[in-house]
Each structure stands twice: as structure tokens, then as C-alpha cells.
Amino acid sequence: MKKTFKLDIEGKNRDRVLEATKHEIRKYVKRQRRVPLPEGVDYWDFDCKFGSDEASATVVHFATITELIDALAKEGGDAFYLELLAKPGHRAARASGADAADPSDHA
């Protein structure tokens, strides 16, 4: 998804447009996550860019998108650019807790 969302639309309530925009983004993410995973992939990850326009968009973490949209709306911004591209994700193995802190060593 590469799209510029307008928040100030004549004849529409700004808060309603903001919530509809967030809903559209969530709907896109849900749809992308339903796509079958390729062999050897653990989950769908997303490359994200956010900015007031396409030229000023910077790379951001997926979890911060809603906060960034709310902050922009609070500042009075009238539009924003969002780029969400699905990519294969691989989970990293966690270090085992037994090696790091063995209670029998504290004798």
C-alpha cells in the first residue's frame, strides 16, 4: 500500500475521516496477513514509511503508525503519506534462560 490519506475533506467530520483511515489501514494489514506464507517463513512483516508527503517519508516501525497518525492529526496536519509493504519475517531463536541464570550456581 502506497497512499496519501487526506484528513480534511469538505463536508466530512475530520474525526470520522481519521477513524476511517485507521480502519482502512488495519483492514489492509489483516488482508495481507491472510496471504499464505511461503516455505520457510514464520510470519508477514511490514516495511513502513510515514511522512507528510511521499518525498519527506521516513522509515518507521510498524507498531508506531497509529501514534504517528494521531500526533499528525493533533498538530493539525491535513494529509499524510503511508507506505506499507509486506515482507517475509523470520523469528529469531531466544537465548535459553538456563544458561544465563542457573539457580544452583548461587550456593
Protein backbone atom coordinates (compact mmCIF):
# COMPACT_ATOMS: atom_id res chain seq x y z
CA MET A 1 0.00 0.00 0.00
CA LYS A 2 1.41 3.33 -1.04
CA LYS A 3 -1.13 6.04 -0.43
CA THR A 4 -1.60 9.66 0.60
CA PHE A 5 -4.50 9.99 3.02
CA LYS A 6 -6.36 13.31 3.25
CA LEU A 7 -7.80 14.21 6.64
CA ASP A 8 -9.57 17.44 5.67
CA ILE A 9 -12.38 16.54 3.29
CA GLU A 10 -15.05 19.16 2.75
CA GLY A 11 -18.41 18.09 4.13
CA LYS A 12 -17.00 15.33 6.33
CA ASN A 13 -16.17 15.31 10.02
CA ARG A 14 -12.39 15.25 10.50
CA ASP A 15 -12.58 12.76 13.40
CA ARG A 16 -14.68 10.36 11.31
CA VAL A 17 -12.24 10.60 8.41
CA LEU A 18 -9.35 9.90 10.80
CA GLU A 19 -11.02 6.78 12.20
CA ALA A 20 -11.98 5.59 8.69
CA THR A 21 -8.35 5.98 7.63
CA LYS A 22 -7.11 3.89 10.56
CA HIS A 23 -9.76 1.27 9.76
CA GLU A 24 -8.62 1.09 6.14
CA ILE A 25 -5.01 0.55 7.27
CA ARG A 26 -5.99 -2.19 9.74
CA LYS A 27 -8.12 -3.87 7.07
CA TYR A 28 -5.19 -3.87 4.64
CA VAL A 29 -2.87 -5.40 7.27
CA LYS A 30 -5.39 -8.13 8.11
CA ARG A 31 -5.82 -8.95 4.42
CA GLN A 32 -2.05 -9.17 3.89
CA ARG A 33 -1.60 -11.43 6.92
CA ARG A 34 -4.15 -13.89 5.47
CA VAL A 35 -1.99 -14.49 2.41
CA PRO A 36 -0.44 -17.99 2.66
CA LEU A 37 3.15 -17.95 3.93
CA PRO A 38 5.92 -19.12 1.60
CA GLU A 39 8.05 -22.11 2.63
CA GLY A 40 10.43 -21.29 5.49
CA VAL A 41 8.69 -18.05 6.53
CA ASP A 42 7.36 -17.60 10.08
CA TYR A 43 5.11 -14.53 9.64
CA TRP A 44 4.41 -11.47 7.49
CA ASP A 45 6.41 -8.40 8.49
CA PHE A 46 5.96 -4.89 7.08
CA ASP A 47 8.35 -2.25 5.78
CA CYS A 48 6.83 1.10 6.71
CA LYS A 49 7.38 4.71 5.70
CA PHE A 50 5.43 7.65 7.08
CA GLY A 51 5.51 11.37 6.35
CA SER A 52 3.50 14.43 5.45
CA ASP A 53 4.17 13.63 1.77
CA GLU A 54 5.98 10.99 -0.26
CA ALA A 55 9.21 12.99 -0.52
CA SER A 56 9.52 13.51 3.25
CA ALA A 57 8.50 9.98 4.29
CA THR A 58 10.92 8.25 6.66
CA VAL A 59 11.22 4.63 7.73
CA VAL A 60 9.23 3.91 10.90
CA HIS A 61 8.39 0.83 12.96
CA PHE A 62 5.04 -0.80 12.19
CA ALA A 63 3.83 -0.55 15.82
CA THR A 64 4.15 3.26 15.84
CA ILE A 65 1.94 4.05 12.85
CA THR A 66 -1.24 4.78 14.82
CA GLU A 67 0.65 7.02 17.24
CA LEU A 68 2.21 8.94 14.35
CA ILE A 69 -1.17 9.43 12.68
CA ASP A 70 -2.69 10.70 15.95
CA ALA A 71 0.24 13.08 16.51
CA LEU A 72 -0.06 14.47 12.98
CA ALA A 73 -3.82 14.96 13.39
CA LYS A 74 -3.31 16.67 16.74
CA GLU A 75 -0.83 19.10 15.16
CA GLY A 76 -3.44 19.97 12.54
CA GLY A 77 -1.91 18.21 9.54
CA ASP A 78 -4.29 17.90 6.61
CA ALA A 79 -2.76 14.81 4.93
CA PHE A 80 -0.10 12.12 5.34
CA TYR A 81 1.69 9.56 3.18
CA LEU A 82 1.89 5.93 4.29
CA GLU A 83 3.77 3.10 2.64
CA LEU A 84 3.21 -0.45 3.92
CA LEU A 85 4.94 -3.28 2.08
CA ALA A 86 4.61 -6.87 3.28
CA LYS A 87 7.81 -8.91 3.54
CA PRO A 88 8.60 -12.39 4.89
CA GLY A 89 9.60 -12.44 8.55
CA HIS A 90 11.75 -14.94 10.41
CA ARG A 91 11.62 -15.33 14.18
CA ALA A 92 14.96 -15.23 15.97
CA ALA A 93 15.64 -18.01 18.48
CA ARG A 94 15.63 -16.81 22.07
CA ALA A 95 18.61 -17.49 24.31
CA SER A 96 17.79 -20.22 26.80
CA GLY A 97 17.26 -18.87 30.33
CA ALA A 98 19.02 -21.90 31.94
CA ASP A 99 22.41 -20.83 30.58
CA ALA A 100 22.13 -17.21 31.72
CA ALA A 101 20.91 -17.69 35.29
CA ASP A 102 21.32 -21.13 36.87
CA PRO A 103 19.99 -21.05 40.47
CA SER A 104 22.29 -23.91 41.54
CA ASP A 105 25.36 -21.68 40.96
CA HIS A 106 24.40 -19.33 43.81
CA ALA A 107 25.35 -21.73 46.65
